[in-house]
């Protein structure tokens, strides 16, 4: 993957990633039980109170001197406190949510950019960017943002589920 290139992913891969992002949003909102992911099995040590939300595969690159680096295919470990990226050489890089100064999620383009104010923004790309976007928006802006943040619009259902009667007073979660 080179700067400016878009990778075509099979529809099934994109759909599965979007469904996983929707499921994560429901978990974070307390509407579904969370997935249990063993941090030790992933080879990481978490901070006290940190929960592993998902382990995903994604393209990662950094912008240095105005140019994006070559994209690296990496495992991303999405937690309530950070995005850990296991680089191809086996090393880990922590991208802490608490120190992000700029956040841009573009699910139509399939990427999330995390800016830490150090002149080296990080881009997470591929179908799993939807999971990173949901986690980042939840941590940075709160639960309500899962419903209102415009970057998550591509994940929202625009029609009621088939089992919900029209006109009923039952409220449905817009990300389901």
N, C-alpha and C. Protein backbone atom coordinates (compact mmCIF):
# COMPACT_ATOMS: atom_id res chain seq x y z
N UNK A 1 0.85 -1.17 0.00
CA UNK A 1 0.00 0.00 0.00
C UNK A 1 0.89 1.23 0.00
N UNK A 2 0.74 2.09 -0.97
CA UNK A 2 1.53 3.32 -1.06
C UNK A 2 0.65 4.51 -0.77
N UNK A 3 1.28 5.61 -0.43
CA UNK A 3 0.54 6.83 -0.13
C UNK A 3 -0.39 7.16 -1.29
N UNK A 4 -1.62 7.46 -0.98
CA UNK A 4 -2.58 7.85 -2.00
C UNK A 4 -3.29 6.69 -2.67
N UNK A 5 -2.79 5.46 -2.47
CA UNK A 5 -3.44 4.31 -3.09
C UNK A 5 -4.59 3.83 -2.22
N UNK A 6 -5.60 3.30 -2.86
CA UNK A 6 -6.70 2.69 -2.13
C UNK A 6 -6.67 1.21 -2.45
N UNK A 7 -6.80 0.42 -1.43
CA UNK A 7 -6.81 -1.02 -1.60
C UNK A 7 -8.25 -1.49 -1.64
N UNK A 8 -8.57 -2.31 -2.62
CA UNK A 8 -9.91 -2.85 -2.71
C UNK A 8 -9.98 -4.11 -1.86
N UNK A 9 -10.88 -4.11 -0.90
CA UNK A 9 -11.07 -5.26 -0.04
C UNK A 9 -12.35 -5.95 -0.46
N UNK A 10 -12.39 -7.28 -0.35
CA UNK A 10 -13.65 -7.98 -0.66
C UNK A 10 -14.78 -7.45 0.20
N UNK A 11 -15.95 -7.38 -0.37
CA UNK A 11 -17.13 -6.86 0.34
C UNK A 11 -17.35 -7.60 1.65
N UNK A 12 -17.12 -8.90 1.66
CA UNK A 12 -17.34 -9.69 2.88
C UNK A 12 -16.39 -9.23 3.99
N UNK A 13 -15.16 -8.87 3.66
CA UNK A 13 -14.20 -8.41 4.66
C UNK A 13 -14.65 -7.08 5.23
N UNK A 14 -15.05 -6.16 4.36
CA UNK A 14 -15.52 -4.84 4.80
C UNK A 14 -16.77 -4.99 5.65
N UNK A 15 -17.70 -5.84 5.23
CA UNK A 15 -18.94 -6.05 5.98
C UNK A 15 -18.66 -6.65 7.36
N UNK A 16 -17.76 -7.61 7.42
CA UNK A 16 -17.43 -8.24 8.70
C UNK A 16 -16.79 -7.22 9.64
N UNK A 17 -15.91 -6.39 9.12
CA UNK A 17 -15.27 -5.36 9.94
C UNK A 17 -16.30 -4.34 10.44
N UNK A 18 -17.23 -3.95 9.58
CA UNK A 18 -18.28 -3.01 9.98
C UNK A 18 -19.17 -3.64 11.05
N UNK A 19 -19.51 -4.90 10.91
CA UNK A 19 -20.32 -5.60 11.92
C UNK A 19 -19.58 -5.68 13.25
N UNK A 20 -18.28 -5.92 13.20
CA UNK A 20 -17.49 -5.98 14.43
C UNK A 20 -17.45 -4.61 15.09
N UNK A 21 -17.32 -3.55 14.29
CA UNK A 21 -17.32 -2.19 14.83
C UNK A 21 -18.67 -1.86 15.47
N UNK A 22 -19.77 -2.28 14.83
CA UNK A 22 -21.10 -2.07 15.41
C UNK A 22 -21.23 -2.83 16.73
N UNK A 23 -20.75 -4.07 16.73
CA UNK A 23 -20.81 -4.88 17.95
C UNK A 23 -20.00 -4.23 19.07
N UNK A 24 -18.84 -3.69 18.74
CA UNK A 24 -18.03 -3.00 19.73
C UNK A 24 -18.77 -1.79 20.29
N UNK A 25 -19.41 -1.03 19.43
CA UNK A 25 -20.17 0.14 19.90
C UNK A 25 -21.26 -0.27 20.89
N UNK A 26 -21.95 -1.35 20.60
CA UNK A 26 -22.99 -1.84 21.51
C UNK A 26 -22.41 -2.30 22.83
N UNK A 27 -21.24 -2.93 22.77
CA UNK A 27 -20.56 -3.37 24.00
C UNK A 27 -20.15 -2.16 24.84
N UNK A 28 -19.55 -1.16 24.20
CA UNK A 28 -19.08 0.03 24.91
C UNK A 28 -20.24 0.82 25.52
N UNK A 29 -21.39 0.76 24.88
CA UNK A 29 -22.57 1.45 25.40
C UNK A 29 -23.28 0.65 26.47
N UNK A 30 -22.78 -0.55 26.76
CA UNK A 30 -23.39 -1.39 27.79
C UNK A 30 -24.63 -2.12 27.33
N UNK A 31 -24.84 -2.19 26.03
CA UNK A 31 -26.04 -2.83 25.50
C UNK A 31 -25.83 -4.30 25.16
N UNK A 32 -24.60 -4.74 25.07
CA UNK A 32 -24.25 -6.14 24.84
C UNK A 32 -23.08 -6.48 25.75
N UNK A 33 -22.97 -7.74 26.16
CA UNK A 33 -21.82 -8.12 26.98
C UNK A 33 -20.53 -7.99 26.16
N UNK A 34 -19.44 -7.57 26.82
CA UNK A 34 -18.19 -7.39 26.08
C UNK A 34 -17.55 -8.73 25.72
N UNK A 35 -16.82 -8.73 24.61
CA UNK A 35 -15.99 -9.88 24.28
C UNK A 35 -14.87 -9.96 25.30
N UNK A 36 -14.48 -11.13 25.68
CA UNK A 36 -13.35 -11.31 26.60
C UNK A 36 -12.13 -11.67 25.76
N UNK A 37 -11.12 -10.82 25.84
CA UNK A 37 -9.89 -11.04 25.08
C UNK A 37 -8.74 -11.09 26.06
N UNK A 38 -7.96 -12.16 26.00
CA UNK A 38 -6.86 -12.38 26.91
C UNK A 38 -5.61 -11.63 26.44
N UNK A 39 -5.24 -10.59 27.18
CA UNK A 39 -4.06 -9.80 26.82
C UNK A 39 -2.80 -10.64 26.83
N UNK A 40 -2.69 -11.57 27.77
CA UNK A 40 -1.49 -12.41 27.84
C UNK A 40 -1.34 -13.28 26.60
N UNK A 41 -2.46 -13.75 26.08
CA UNK A 41 -2.40 -14.57 24.86
C UNK A 41 -1.90 -13.75 23.67
N UNK A 42 -2.10 -12.43 23.73
CA UNK A 42 -1.62 -11.54 22.67
C UNK A 42 -0.19 -11.08 22.92
N UNK A 43 0.36 -11.45 24.08
CA UNK A 43 1.74 -11.09 24.39
C UNK A 43 1.91 -9.64 24.84
N UNK A 44 0.88 -9.08 25.46
CA UNK A 44 0.98 -7.70 25.93
C UNK A 44 0.65 -7.63 27.41
N UNK A 45 1.19 -6.60 28.05
CA UNK A 45 0.90 -6.32 29.44
C UNK A 45 0.06 -5.05 29.46
N UNK A 46 -1.07 -5.13 30.12
CA UNK A 46 -1.96 -3.97 30.18
C UNK A 46 -1.75 -3.20 31.47
N UNK A 47 -2.19 -1.97 31.45
CA UNK A 47 -2.15 -1.11 32.63
C UNK A 47 -3.33 -1.48 33.54
N UNK A 48 -3.25 -1.12 34.83
CA UNK A 48 -4.39 -1.37 35.71
C UNK A 48 -5.66 -0.71 35.14
N UNK A 49 -6.73 -1.47 35.08
CA UNK A 49 -7.99 -0.97 34.57
C UNK A 49 -8.13 -0.97 33.05
N UNK A 50 -7.07 -1.26 32.35
CA UNK A 50 -7.11 -1.28 30.88
C UNK A 50 -7.74 -2.57 30.40
N UNK A 51 -8.68 -2.45 29.47
CA UNK A 51 -9.35 -3.62 28.91
C UNK A 51 -9.03 -3.74 27.43
N UNK A 52 -8.72 -4.95 27.00
CA UNK A 52 -8.51 -5.20 25.58
C UNK A 52 -9.88 -5.34 24.93
N UNK A 53 -10.13 -4.52 23.92
CA UNK A 53 -11.42 -4.52 23.24
C UNK A 53 -11.42 -5.42 22.00
N UNK A 54 -10.36 -5.32 21.21
CA UNK A 54 -10.26 -6.09 19.98
C UNK A 54 -8.80 -6.26 19.59
N UNK A 55 -8.53 -7.31 18.83
CA UNK A 55 -7.25 -7.49 18.15
C UNK A 55 -7.58 -7.56 16.67
N UNK A 56 -6.97 -6.68 15.88
CA UNK A 56 -7.30 -6.56 14.46
C UNK A 56 -6.02 -6.49 13.63
N UNK A 57 -6.14 -6.76 12.37
CA UNK A 57 -5.03 -6.56 11.44
C UNK A 57 -5.30 -5.29 10.65
N UNK A 58 -4.24 -4.48 10.49
CA UNK A 58 -4.42 -3.19 9.82
C UNK A 58 -3.10 -2.74 9.19
N UNK A 59 -3.22 -1.77 8.30
CA UNK A 59 -2.06 -1.11 7.72
C UNK A 59 -1.73 0.09 8.60
N UNK A 60 -0.45 0.27 8.92
CA UNK A 60 -0.02 1.37 9.76
C UNK A 60 1.11 2.11 9.06
N UNK A 61 1.04 3.43 9.14
CA UNK A 61 2.15 4.24 8.64
C UNK A 61 2.22 5.56 9.38
N UNK A 62 3.37 6.21 9.27
CA UNK A 62 3.64 7.47 9.95
C UNK A 62 3.99 8.51 8.91
N UNK A 63 3.63 9.74 9.19
CA UNK A 63 3.99 10.85 8.29
C UNK A 63 5.24 11.51 8.86
N UNK A 64 6.30 11.51 8.07
CA UNK A 64 7.57 12.08 8.48
C UNK A 64 8.05 13.03 7.39
N UNK A 65 8.38 14.26 7.77
CA UNK A 65 8.85 15.26 6.82
C UNK A 65 7.90 15.43 5.64
N UNK A 66 6.60 15.40 5.93
CA UNK A 66 5.59 15.64 4.91
C UNK A 66 5.28 14.45 4.02
N UNK A 67 5.89 13.30 4.26
CA UNK A 67 5.67 12.11 3.43
C UNK A 67 5.21 10.95 4.30
N UNK A 68 4.23 10.21 3.80
CA UNK A 68 3.81 9.00 4.51
C UNK A 68 4.83 7.90 4.29
N UNK A 69 5.15 7.17 5.34
CA UNK A 69 6.05 6.02 5.24
C UNK A 69 5.34 4.90 4.47
N UNK A 70 6.09 3.89 4.12
CA UNK A 70 5.48 2.71 3.53
C UNK A 70 4.55 2.10 4.57
N UNK A 71 3.44 1.58 4.13
CA UNK A 71 2.49 0.96 5.06
C UNK A 71 3.01 -0.40 5.50
N UNK A 72 2.81 -0.68 6.78
CA UNK A 72 3.21 -1.96 7.36
C UNK A 72 1.96 -2.70 7.79
N UNK A 73 1.88 -3.99 7.45
CA UNK A 73 0.75 -4.82 7.85
C UNK A 73 1.03 -5.28 9.28
N UNK A 74 0.17 -4.86 10.21
CA UNK A 74 0.44 -5.07 11.64
C UNK A 74 -0.79 -5.57 12.37
N UNK A 75 -0.53 -6.19 13.51
CA UNK A 75 -1.62 -6.49 14.43
C UNK A 75 -1.83 -5.26 15.29
N UNK A 76 -3.06 -4.82 15.38
CA UNK A 76 -3.42 -3.72 16.27
C UNK A 76 -4.21 -4.27 17.43
N UNK A 77 -3.86 -3.89 18.62
CA UNK A 77 -4.57 -4.32 19.80
C UNK A 77 -5.24 -3.08 20.37
N UNK A 78 -6.56 -3.05 20.25
CA UNK A 78 -7.35 -1.89 20.62
C UNK A 78 -7.80 -2.07 22.07
N UNK A 79 -7.44 -1.09 22.91
CA UNK A 79 -7.82 -1.16 24.32
C UNK A 79 -8.57 0.10 24.73
N UNK A 80 -8.98 0.13 25.97
CA UNK A 80 -9.67 1.30 26.50
C UNK A 80 -8.71 2.45 26.77
N UNK A 81 -7.40 2.20 26.71
CA UNK A 81 -6.43 3.26 26.97
C UNK A 81 -5.52 3.58 25.78
N UNK A 82 -5.43 2.67 24.82
CA UNK A 82 -4.49 2.88 23.71
C UNK A 82 -4.75 1.93 22.57
N UNK A 83 -4.03 2.20 21.51
CA UNK A 83 -3.94 1.28 20.39
C UNK A 83 -2.49 0.81 20.39
N UNK A 84 -2.28 -0.47 20.64
CA UNK A 84 -0.95 -1.04 20.56
C UNK A 84 -0.77 -1.60 19.16
N UNK A 85 0.37 -1.34 18.59
CA UNK A 85 0.66 -1.84 17.24
C UNK A 85 1.88 -2.73 17.33
N UNK A 86 1.71 -3.99 16.92
CA UNK A 86 2.85 -4.90 16.86
C UNK A 86 3.41 -4.83 15.44
N UNK A 87 4.59 -4.25 15.32
CA UNK A 87 5.24 -4.08 14.02
C UNK A 87 5.75 -5.42 13.50
N UNK A 88 6.02 -5.52 12.19
CA UNK A 88 6.50 -6.78 11.63
C UNK A 88 7.77 -7.32 12.29
N UNK A 89 8.60 -6.43 12.86
CA UNK A 89 9.82 -6.90 13.55
C UNK A 89 9.53 -7.42 14.95
N UNK A 90 8.27 -7.40 15.38
CA UNK A 90 7.88 -7.91 16.69
C UNK A 90 7.79 -6.86 17.78
N UNK A 91 8.30 -5.65 17.53
CA UNK A 91 8.24 -4.61 18.54
C UNK A 91 6.83 -4.04 18.66
N UNK A 92 6.56 -3.44 19.82
CA UNK A 92 5.25 -2.85 20.08
C UNK A 92 5.37 -1.34 20.17
N UNK A 93 4.37 -0.64 19.65
CA UNK A 93 4.27 0.81 19.80
C UNK A 93 2.90 1.12 20.38
N UNK A 94 2.90 1.90 21.45
CA UNK A 94 1.64 2.29 22.09
C UNK A 94 1.22 3.66 21.60
N UNK A 95 0.01 3.74 21.13
CA UNK A 95 -0.61 5.00 20.71
C UNK A 95 -1.69 5.30 21.76
N UNK A 96 -1.37 6.12 22.75
CA UNK A 96 -2.25 6.37 23.88
C UNK A 96 -3.37 7.32 23.49
N UNK A 97 -4.60 6.94 23.83
CA UNK A 97 -5.75 7.80 23.55
C UNK A 97 -5.63 9.12 24.33
N UNK A 98 -5.10 9.07 25.53
CA UNK A 98 -5.07 10.26 26.40
C UNK A 98 -4.15 11.37 25.90
N UNK A 99 -3.27 11.07 24.98
CA UNK A 99 -2.35 12.10 24.49
C UNK A 99 -2.62 12.52 23.04
N UNK A 100 -3.72 12.03 22.47
CA UNK A 100 -4.11 12.42 21.11
C UNK A 100 -4.55 13.89 21.13
N UNK A 101 -4.03 14.67 20.19
CA UNK A 101 -4.46 16.07 20.06
C UNK A 101 -5.30 16.28 18.80
N UNK A 102 -5.27 15.32 17.90
CA UNK A 102 -6.08 15.39 16.69
C UNK A 102 -6.53 13.99 16.29
N UNK A 103 -7.80 13.86 15.92
CA UNK A 103 -8.37 12.57 15.58
C UNK A 103 -9.22 12.75 14.33
N UNK A 104 -8.92 11.99 13.29
CA UNK A 104 -9.70 12.08 12.05
C UNK A 104 -10.02 10.68 11.58
N UNK A 105 -11.29 10.34 11.61
CA UNK A 105 -11.74 9.03 11.13
C UNK A 105 -12.52 9.24 9.84
N UNK A 106 -12.09 8.59 8.79
CA UNK A 106 -12.78 8.65 7.50
C UNK A 106 -13.04 7.22 7.06
N UNK A 107 -14.20 6.70 7.42
CA UNK A 107 -14.51 5.30 7.12
C UNK A 107 -14.81 5.07 5.65
N UNK A 108 -15.22 6.11 4.94
CA UNK A 108 -15.40 5.96 3.49
C UNK A 108 -14.05 5.71 2.82
N UNK A 109 -13.01 6.38 3.29
CA UNK A 109 -11.66 6.17 2.76
C UNK A 109 -10.96 5.00 3.45
N UNK A 110 -11.52 4.53 4.57
CA UNK A 110 -10.96 3.36 5.24
C UNK A 110 -9.75 3.64 6.10
N UNK A 111 -9.72 4.81 6.77
CA UNK A 111 -8.58 5.08 7.64
C UNK A 111 -8.94 5.98 8.81
N UNK A 112 -8.07 5.94 9.80
CA UNK A 112 -8.12 6.81 10.97
C UNK A 112 -6.73 7.42 11.11
N UNK A 113 -6.67 8.72 11.38
CA UNK A 113 -5.39 9.38 11.61
C UNK A 113 -5.37 9.88 13.05
N UNK A 114 -4.32 9.50 13.76
CA UNK A 114 -4.10 9.93 15.14
C UNK A 114 -2.94 10.93 15.13
N UNK A 115 -3.19 12.11 15.66
CA UNK A 115 -2.16 13.16 15.71
C UNK A 115 -1.81 13.43 17.16
N UNK A 116 -0.53 13.35 17.46
CA UNK A 116 -0.05 13.56 18.82
C UNK A 116 0.68 14.89 18.98
N UNK A 117 0.64 15.73 17.95
CA UNK A 117 1.26 17.03 18.03
C UNK A 117 2.77 17.00 17.91
N UNK A 118 3.31 15.86 17.51
CA UNK A 118 4.76 15.72 17.40
C UNK A 118 5.25 15.80 15.96
N UNK A 119 4.34 16.16 15.04
CA UNK A 119 4.71 16.25 13.64
C UNK A 119 4.78 14.92 12.92
N UNK A 120 4.34 13.84 13.59
CA UNK A 120 4.37 12.50 12.99
C UNK A 120 3.03 11.81 13.18
N UNK A 121 1.98 12.29 12.51
CA UNK A 121 0.68 11.62 12.67
C UNK A 121 0.77 10.16 12.24
N UNK A 122 -0.08 9.35 12.84
CA UNK A 122 -0.13 7.92 12.54
C UNK A 122 -1.43 7.62 11.82
N UNK A 123 -1.34 6.81 10.77
CA UNK A 123 -2.54 6.41 10.03
C UNK A 123 -2.76 4.92 10.19
N UNK A 124 -3.98 4.57 10.54
CA UNK A 124 -4.41 3.18 10.64
C UNK A 124 -5.40 2.98 9.50
N UNK A 125 -5.14 2.01 8.64
CA UNK A 125 -5.98 1.86 7.45
C UNK A 125 -6.43 0.41 7.26
N UNK A 126 -7.44 0.26 6.42
CA UNK A 126 -8.01 -1.04 6.13
C UNK A 126 -9.37 -1.18 6.78
N UNK A 127 -10.04 -2.29 6.55
CA UNK A 127 -11.37 -2.48 7.12
C UNK A 127 -11.41 -2.34 8.64
N UNK A 128 -10.35 -2.72 9.34
CA UNK A 128 -10.33 -2.64 10.80
C UNK A 128 -10.29 -1.20 11.31
N UNK A 129 -10.11 -0.24 10.43
CA UNK A 129 -10.15 1.17 10.85
C UNK A 129 -11.49 1.50 11.50
N UNK A 130 -12.55 0.79 11.13
CA UNK A 130 -13.86 1.03 11.73
C UNK A 130 -13.84 0.71 13.22
N UNK A 131 -13.18 -0.36 13.61
CA UNK A 131 -13.07 -0.73 15.02
C UNK A 131 -12.25 0.32 15.77
N UNK A 132 -11.14 0.76 15.17
CA UNK A 132 -10.30 1.78 15.79
C UNK A 132 -11.08 3.08 15.93
N UNK A 133 -11.87 3.42 14.93
CA UNK A 133 -12.67 4.65 14.98
C UNK A 133 -13.69 4.58 16.12
N UNK A 134 -14.39 3.47 16.26
CA UNK A 134 -15.38 3.33 17.33
C UNK A 134 -14.70 3.46 18.69
N UNK A 135 -13.60 2.75 18.89
CA UNK A 135 -12.91 2.81 20.18
C UNK A 135 -12.40 4.22 20.46
N UNK A 136 -11.77 4.85 19.46
CA UNK A 136 -11.24 6.19 19.65
C UNK A 136 -12.32 7.20 19.96
N UNK A 137 -13.41 7.14 19.23
CA UNK A 137 -14.51 8.08 19.46
C UNK A 137 -15.12 7.87 20.84
N UNK A 138 -15.26 6.63 21.25
CA UNK A 138 -15.79 6.34 22.58
C UNK A 138 -14.89 6.92 23.67
N UNK A 139 -13.59 6.64 23.58
CA UNK A 139 -12.67 7.10 24.62
C UNK A 139 -12.51 8.61 24.61
N UNK A 140 -12.40 9.21 23.42
CA UNK A 140 -12.13 10.64 23.31
C UNK A 140 -13.36 11.51 23.54
N UNK A 141 -14.53 11.04 23.11
CA UNK A 141 -15.73 11.90 23.14
C UNK A 141 -16.87 11.37 23.99
N UNK A 142 -16.80 10.12 24.44
CA UNK A 142 -17.83 9.58 25.31
C UNK A 142 -18.86 8.72 24.59
N UNK A 143 -19.68 8.08 25.39
CA UNK A 143 -20.68 7.14 24.88
C UNK A 143 -21.65 7.80 23.91
N UNK A 144 -22.10 9.00 24.23
CA UNK A 144 -23.07 9.69 23.37
C UNK A 144 -22.53 9.89 21.96
N UNK A 145 -21.23 10.06 21.83
CA UNK A 145 -20.63 10.27 20.51
C UNK A 145 -20.78 9.05 19.60
N UNK A 146 -20.97 7.88 20.19
CA UNK A 146 -21.19 6.69 19.36
C UNK A 146 -22.45 6.84 18.52
N UNK A 147 -23.39 7.63 19.01
CA UNK A 147 -24.65 7.88 18.30
C UNK A 147 -24.53 9.11 17.40
N UNK A 148 -23.78 10.12 17.84
CA UNK A 148 -23.81 11.41 17.17
C UNK A 148 -22.60 11.75 16.31
N UNK A 149 -21.46 11.12 16.54
CA UNK A 149 -20.26 11.53 15.80
C UNK A 149 -20.44 11.25 14.31
N UNK A 150 -20.22 12.26 13.45
CA UNK A 150 -20.46 12.08 12.02
C UNK A 150 -19.54 11.05 11.36
N UNK A 151 -18.38 10.81 11.92
CA UNK A 151 -17.46 9.83 11.31
C UNK A 151 -18.00 8.41 11.34
N UNK A 152 -18.92 8.13 12.26
CA UNK A 152 -19.49 6.78 12.37
C UNK A 152 -20.74 6.59 11.53
N UNK A 153 -21.14 7.60 10.79
CA UNK A 153 -22.35 7.52 9.96
C UNK A 153 -22.36 6.28 9.05
N UNK A 154 -21.23 5.91 8.42
CA UNK A 154 -21.28 4.73 7.54
C UNK A 154 -21.66 3.43 8.28
N UNK A 155 -21.53 3.41 9.60
CA UNK A 155 -21.86 2.20 10.36
C UNK A 155 -23.31 2.16 10.82
N UNK A 156 -23.98 3.27 10.74
CA UNK A 156 -25.34 3.35 11.28
C UNK A 156 -26.36 2.72 10.34
N UNK A 157 -27.30 2.01 10.96
CA UNK A 157 -28.42 1.44 10.20
C UNK A 157 -29.38 2.58 9.90
N UNK A 158 -29.89 2.62 8.70
CA UNK A 158 -30.80 3.69 8.32
C UNK A 158 -32.25 3.23 8.26
N UNK A 159 -32.47 1.96 8.46
CA UNK A 159 -33.83 1.44 8.52
C UNK A 159 -33.96 0.62 9.78
N UNK A 160 -35.16 0.57 10.36
CA UNK A 160 -35.31 -0.22 11.58
C UNK A 160 -35.09 -1.70 11.28
N UNK A 161 -34.56 -2.44 12.24
CA UNK A 161 -34.40 -3.88 12.03
C UNK A 161 -35.76 -4.51 11.73
N UNK A 162 -35.79 -5.64 11.02
CA UNK A 162 -37.06 -6.25 10.62
C UNK A 162 -37.96 -6.61 11.79
N UNK A 163 -37.42 -6.88 12.98
CA UNK A 163 -38.27 -7.28 14.10
C UNK A 163 -38.84 -6.09 14.87
N UNK A 164 -38.50 -4.88 14.46
CA UNK A 164 -39.03 -3.69 15.14
C UNK A 164 -40.21 -3.16 14.33
N UNK A 165 -41.35 -3.08 14.97
CA UNK A 165 -42.53 -2.58 14.27
C UNK A 165 -42.43 -1.08 14.07
N UNK A 166 -42.86 -0.62 12.91
CA UNK A 166 -42.88 0.82 12.66
C UNK A 166 -43.89 1.47 13.59
N UNK A 167 -43.50 2.62 14.10
CA UNK A 167 -44.40 3.36 14.97
C UNK A 167 -44.38 2.89 16.41
N UNK A 168 -43.62 1.84 16.72
CA UNK A 168 -43.59 1.39 18.11
C UNK A 168 -42.77 2.38 18.93
N UNK A 169 -43.01 2.40 20.21
CA UNK A 169 -42.29 3.31 21.09
C UNK A 169 -40.93 2.76 21.49
N UNK A 170 -40.67 1.53 21.11
CA UNK A 170 -39.38 0.92 21.44
C UNK A 170 -38.29 1.64 20.68
N UNK A 171 -37.25 2.06 21.38
CA UNK A 171 -36.15 2.75 20.74
C UNK A 171 -35.12 1.74 20.26
N UNK A 172 -34.53 2.01 19.14
CA UNK A 172 -33.48 1.12 18.65
C UNK A 172 -32.17 1.88 18.64
N UNK A 173 -31.10 1.15 18.84
CA UNK A 173 -29.76 1.70 18.82
C UNK A 173 -29.35 1.94 17.37
N UNK A 174 -28.93 3.12 17.00
CA UNK A 174 -28.68 3.42 15.59
C UNK A 174 -27.47 2.72 15.00
N UNK A 175 -26.63 2.06 15.79
CA UNK A 175 -25.47 1.37 15.23
C UNK A 175 -25.72 -0.11 15.05
N UNK A 176 -26.91 -0.58 15.38
CA UNK A 176 -27.15 -2.02 15.28
C UNK A 176 -27.47 -2.43 13.87
